[in-house]
Amino acid sequence: MTFKKICKIIAIIAAICALAAAAYYAVKKLTDKDEPEYFDDNDFFECNNDLEIVEVKDEPEEEPKEEKKAKKANKKAE
């Protein structure tokens, strides 16, 4: 056997192995179940679980009608 013939045989075997690996990877990728990946929040940042909940009112409180009338009367008097 010559050196060229040995190289061709090795190249053919390598090509067959590559095709088998590609087919295995494709089948594995297509038939694999998608499992959710869960992360622990403490892995990303320090977490203090003693949080204080503060409610904020977006709307300003309305003044009673009597006070509005008194302010209008004071403005007219001035």
N, C-alpha and C. Protein backbone atom coordinates (compact mmCIF):
# COMPACT_ATOMS: atom_id res chain seq x y z
N MET A 1 0.85 -1.19 0.00
CA MET A 1 0.00 0.00 0.00
C MET A 1 0.89 1.24 0.00
N THR A 2 0.45 2.16 -0.79
CA THR A 2 1.21 3.40 -0.85
C THR A 2 0.65 4.39 0.17
N PHE A 3 1.43 5.44 0.39
CA PHE A 3 1.06 6.46 1.36
C PHE A 3 -0.24 7.17 0.95
N LYS A 4 -0.42 7.44 -0.34
CA LYS A 4 -1.62 8.12 -0.83
C LYS A 4 -2.86 7.28 -0.58
N LYS A 5 -2.74 5.97 -0.77
CA LYS A 5 -3.88 5.08 -0.55
C LYS A 5 -4.26 5.05 0.93
N ILE A 6 -3.29 5.05 1.82
CA ILE A 6 -3.56 5.06 3.27
C ILE A 6 -4.24 6.37 3.67
N CYS A 7 -3.77 7.49 3.12
CA CYS A 7 -4.39 8.79 3.41
C CYS A 7 -5.83 8.84 2.93
N LYS A 8 -6.12 8.28 1.76
CA LYS A 8 -7.49 8.25 1.25
C LYS A 8 -8.39 7.42 2.16
N ILE A 9 -7.92 6.29 2.63
CA ILE A 9 -8.72 5.43 3.52
C ILE A 9 -9.00 6.15 4.83
N ILE A 10 -7.98 6.82 5.38
CA ILE A 10 -8.18 7.58 6.62
C ILE A 10 -9.16 8.72 6.40
N ALA A 11 -9.08 9.39 5.27
CA ALA A 11 -10.00 10.49 4.96
C ALA A 11 -11.43 9.99 4.81
N ILE A 12 -11.61 8.83 4.20
CA ILE A 12 -12.95 8.24 4.04
C ILE A 12 -13.52 7.87 5.40
N ILE A 13 -12.70 7.28 6.27
CA ILE A 13 -13.17 6.91 7.61
C ILE A 13 -13.55 8.17 8.41
N ALA A 14 -12.75 9.22 8.30
CA ALA A 14 -13.04 10.48 9.00
C ALA A 14 -14.34 11.10 8.48
N ALA A 15 -14.56 11.03 7.18
CA ALA A 15 -15.78 11.58 6.59
C ALA A 15 -17.01 10.80 7.06
N ILE A 16 -16.91 9.48 7.13
CA ILE A 16 -18.02 8.65 7.60
C ILE A 16 -18.33 8.97 9.06
N CYS A 17 -17.28 9.14 9.88
CA CYS A 17 -17.48 9.50 11.29
C CYS A 17 -18.15 10.87 11.42
N ALA A 18 -17.75 11.81 10.59
CA ALA A 18 -18.35 13.15 10.62
C ALA A 18 -19.82 13.10 10.21
N LEU A 19 -20.15 12.32 9.20
CA LEU A 19 -21.55 12.17 8.79
C LEU A 19 -22.39 11.51 9.88
N ALA A 20 -21.81 10.51 10.54
CA ALA A 20 -22.53 9.84 11.63
C ALA A 20 -22.76 10.79 12.80
N ALA A 21 -21.75 11.60 13.12
CA ALA A 21 -21.90 12.57 14.21
C ALA A 21 -22.94 13.63 13.86
N ALA A 22 -22.95 14.09 12.63
CA ALA A 22 -23.93 15.09 12.19
C ALA A 22 -25.35 14.52 12.25
N ALA A 23 -25.51 13.28 11.81
CA ALA A 23 -26.84 12.65 11.86
C ALA A 23 -27.29 12.46 13.30
N TYR A 24 -26.38 12.03 14.18
CA TYR A 24 -26.71 11.85 15.59
C TYR A 24 -27.13 13.18 16.22
N TYR A 25 -26.37 14.23 15.95
CA TYR A 25 -26.68 15.55 16.50
C TYR A 25 -28.04 16.05 15.99
N ALA A 26 -28.32 15.87 14.71
CA ALA A 26 -29.59 16.32 14.14
C ALA A 26 -30.77 15.57 14.76
N VAL A 27 -30.66 14.26 14.90
CA VAL A 27 -31.73 13.47 15.50
C VAL A 27 -31.91 13.87 16.96
N LYS A 28 -30.82 14.03 17.68
CA LYS A 28 -30.88 14.41 19.10
C LYS A 28 -31.53 15.80 19.26
N LYS A 29 -31.18 16.72 18.39
CA LYS A 29 -31.71 18.08 18.45
C LYS A 29 -33.21 18.10 18.14
N LEU A 30 -33.66 17.32 17.18
CA LEU A 30 -35.06 17.32 16.78
C LEU A 30 -35.96 16.59 17.77
N THR A 31 -35.45 15.56 18.42
CA THR A 31 -36.29 14.76 19.29
C THR A 31 -36.14 15.12 20.77
N ASP A 32 -35.24 16.02 21.10
CA ASP A 32 -35.02 16.38 22.50
C ASP A 32 -36.18 17.23 23.01
N LYS A 33 -36.64 16.93 24.24
CA LYS A 33 -37.72 17.69 24.85
C LYS A 33 -37.18 19.03 25.34
N ASP A 34 -37.98 20.09 25.18
CA ASP A 34 -37.60 21.39 25.68
C ASP A 34 -37.94 21.47 27.16
N GLU A 35 -36.92 21.49 27.99
CA GLU A 35 -37.12 21.58 29.42
C GLU A 35 -36.84 23.02 29.85
N PRO A 36 -37.70 23.57 30.70
CA PRO A 36 -37.45 24.95 31.15
C PRO A 36 -36.19 25.01 32.01
N GLU A 37 -35.51 26.13 31.89
CA GLU A 37 -34.29 26.32 32.65
C GLU A 37 -34.59 27.24 33.82
N TYR A 38 -34.41 26.76 35.02
CA TYR A 38 -34.72 27.52 36.21
C TYR A 38 -33.46 28.16 36.78
N PHE A 39 -33.61 29.42 37.19
CA PHE A 39 -32.50 30.14 37.78
C PHE A 39 -32.85 30.56 39.19
N ASP A 40 -31.87 30.60 40.03
CA ASP A 40 -32.04 31.10 41.39
C ASP A 40 -31.69 32.58 41.38
N ASP A 41 -32.58 33.42 41.86
CA ASP A 41 -32.33 34.86 41.84
C ASP A 41 -31.09 35.25 42.64
N ASN A 42 -30.77 34.47 43.64
CA ASN A 42 -29.62 34.80 44.46
C ASN A 42 -28.30 34.61 43.71
N ASP A 43 -28.34 33.94 42.57
CA ASP A 43 -27.13 33.79 41.76
C ASP A 43 -26.77 35.09 41.06
N PHE A 44 -27.74 35.97 40.86
CA PHE A 44 -27.52 37.17 40.06
C PHE A 44 -27.31 38.42 40.92
N PHE A 45 -27.96 38.52 42.05
CA PHE A 45 -27.81 39.69 42.91
C PHE A 45 -28.15 39.31 44.34
N GLU A 46 -27.65 40.10 45.25
CA GLU A 46 -27.98 39.85 46.64
C GLU A 46 -29.41 40.27 46.87
N CYS A 47 -30.15 39.44 47.53
CA CYS A 47 -31.57 39.69 47.70
C CYS A 47 -31.90 39.75 49.18
N ASN A 48 -32.51 40.85 49.58
CA ASN A 48 -33.00 40.98 50.93
C ASN A 48 -34.50 40.76 50.87
N ASN A 49 -34.95 39.66 51.41
CA ASN A 49 -36.36 39.31 51.29
C ASN A 49 -37.26 40.06 52.26
N ASP A 50 -36.69 40.94 53.09
CA ASP A 50 -37.48 41.74 54.02
C ASP A 50 -37.87 43.04 53.33
N LEU A 51 -38.73 42.95 52.35
CA LEU A 51 -39.13 44.13 51.59
C LEU A 51 -40.33 44.79 52.24
N GLU A 52 -40.34 46.11 52.19
CA GLU A 52 -41.46 46.86 52.74
C GLU A 52 -42.31 47.34 51.57
N ILE A 53 -43.59 47.06 51.62
CA ILE A 53 -44.50 47.45 50.54
C ILE A 53 -45.13 48.79 50.91
N VAL A 54 -44.96 49.75 50.03
CA VAL A 54 -45.50 51.08 50.26
C VAL A 54 -46.48 51.38 49.14
N GLU A 55 -47.70 51.74 49.52
CA GLU A 55 -48.70 52.07 48.51
C GLU A 55 -48.68 53.58 48.27
N VAL A 56 -48.68 53.95 47.01
CA VAL A 56 -48.64 55.36 46.64
C VAL A 56 -49.91 55.68 45.88
N LYS A 57 -50.55 56.75 46.28
CA LYS A 57 -51.76 57.18 45.57
C LYS A 57 -51.33 58.10 44.43
N ASP A 58 -51.80 57.80 43.23
CA ASP A 58 -51.45 58.61 42.07
C ASP A 58 -52.30 59.87 41.98
N GLU A 59 -53.52 59.80 42.45
CA GLU A 59 -54.43 60.94 42.31
C GLU A 59 -54.33 61.82 43.55
N PRO A 60 -54.23 63.14 43.36
CA PRO A 60 -54.21 64.03 44.52
C PRO A 60 -55.57 64.06 45.20
N GLU A 61 -55.54 64.29 46.49
CA GLU A 61 -56.79 64.34 47.22
C GLU A 61 -57.53 65.63 46.87
N GLU A 62 -58.83 65.51 46.70
CA GLU A 62 -59.63 66.69 46.38
C GLU A 62 -60.04 67.40 47.67
N GLU A 63 -60.05 68.71 47.58
CA GLU A 63 -60.46 69.49 48.74
C GLU A 63 -61.98 69.43 48.85
N PRO A 64 -62.49 69.48 50.04
CA PRO A 64 -63.95 69.51 50.19
C PRO A 64 -64.52 70.75 49.50
N LYS A 65 -65.76 70.66 49.07
CA LYS A 65 -66.40 71.75 48.31
C LYS A 65 -66.50 73.03 49.14
N GLU A 66 -66.71 72.90 50.44
CA GLU A 66 -66.84 74.08 51.28
C GLU A 66 -65.56 74.90 51.29
N GLU A 67 -64.39 74.22 51.33
CA GLU A 67 -63.13 74.94 51.34
C GLU A 67 -62.90 75.62 50.00
N LYS A 68 -63.30 75.00 48.91
CA LYS A 68 -63.15 75.62 47.59
C LYS A 68 -63.99 76.88 47.52
N LYS A 69 -65.22 76.82 48.04
CA LYS A 69 -66.09 77.99 47.99
C LYS A 69 -65.51 79.10 48.86
N ALA A 70 -64.93 78.75 50.01
CA ALA A 70 -64.36 79.76 50.89
C ALA A 70 -63.16 80.43 50.22
N LYS A 71 -62.34 79.67 49.49
CA LYS A 71 -61.18 80.24 48.80
C LYS A 71 -61.64 81.19 47.70
N LYS A 72 -62.69 80.79 46.96
CA LYS A 72 -63.21 81.64 45.89
C LYS A 72 -63.77 82.93 46.48
N ALA A 73 -64.45 82.83 47.61
CA ALA A 73 -65.02 84.01 48.25
C ALA A 73 -63.89 84.93 48.72
N ASN A 74 -62.81 84.39 49.23
CA ASN A 74 -61.68 85.21 49.69
C ASN A 74 -61.03 85.91 48.52
N LYS A 75 -60.93 85.24 47.38
CA LYS A 75 -60.32 85.88 46.20
C LYS A 75 -61.18 87.02 45.68
N LYS A 76 -62.49 86.83 45.72
CA LYS A 76 -63.40 87.89 45.25
C LYS A 76 -63.34 89.08 46.20
N ALA A 77 -63.20 88.83 47.47
CA ALA A 77 -63.18 89.91 48.46
C ALA A 77 -61.91 90.74 48.31
N GLU A 78 -60.85 90.15 47.88
CA GLU A 78 -59.58 90.89 47.74
C GLU A 78 -59.67 91.73 46.55
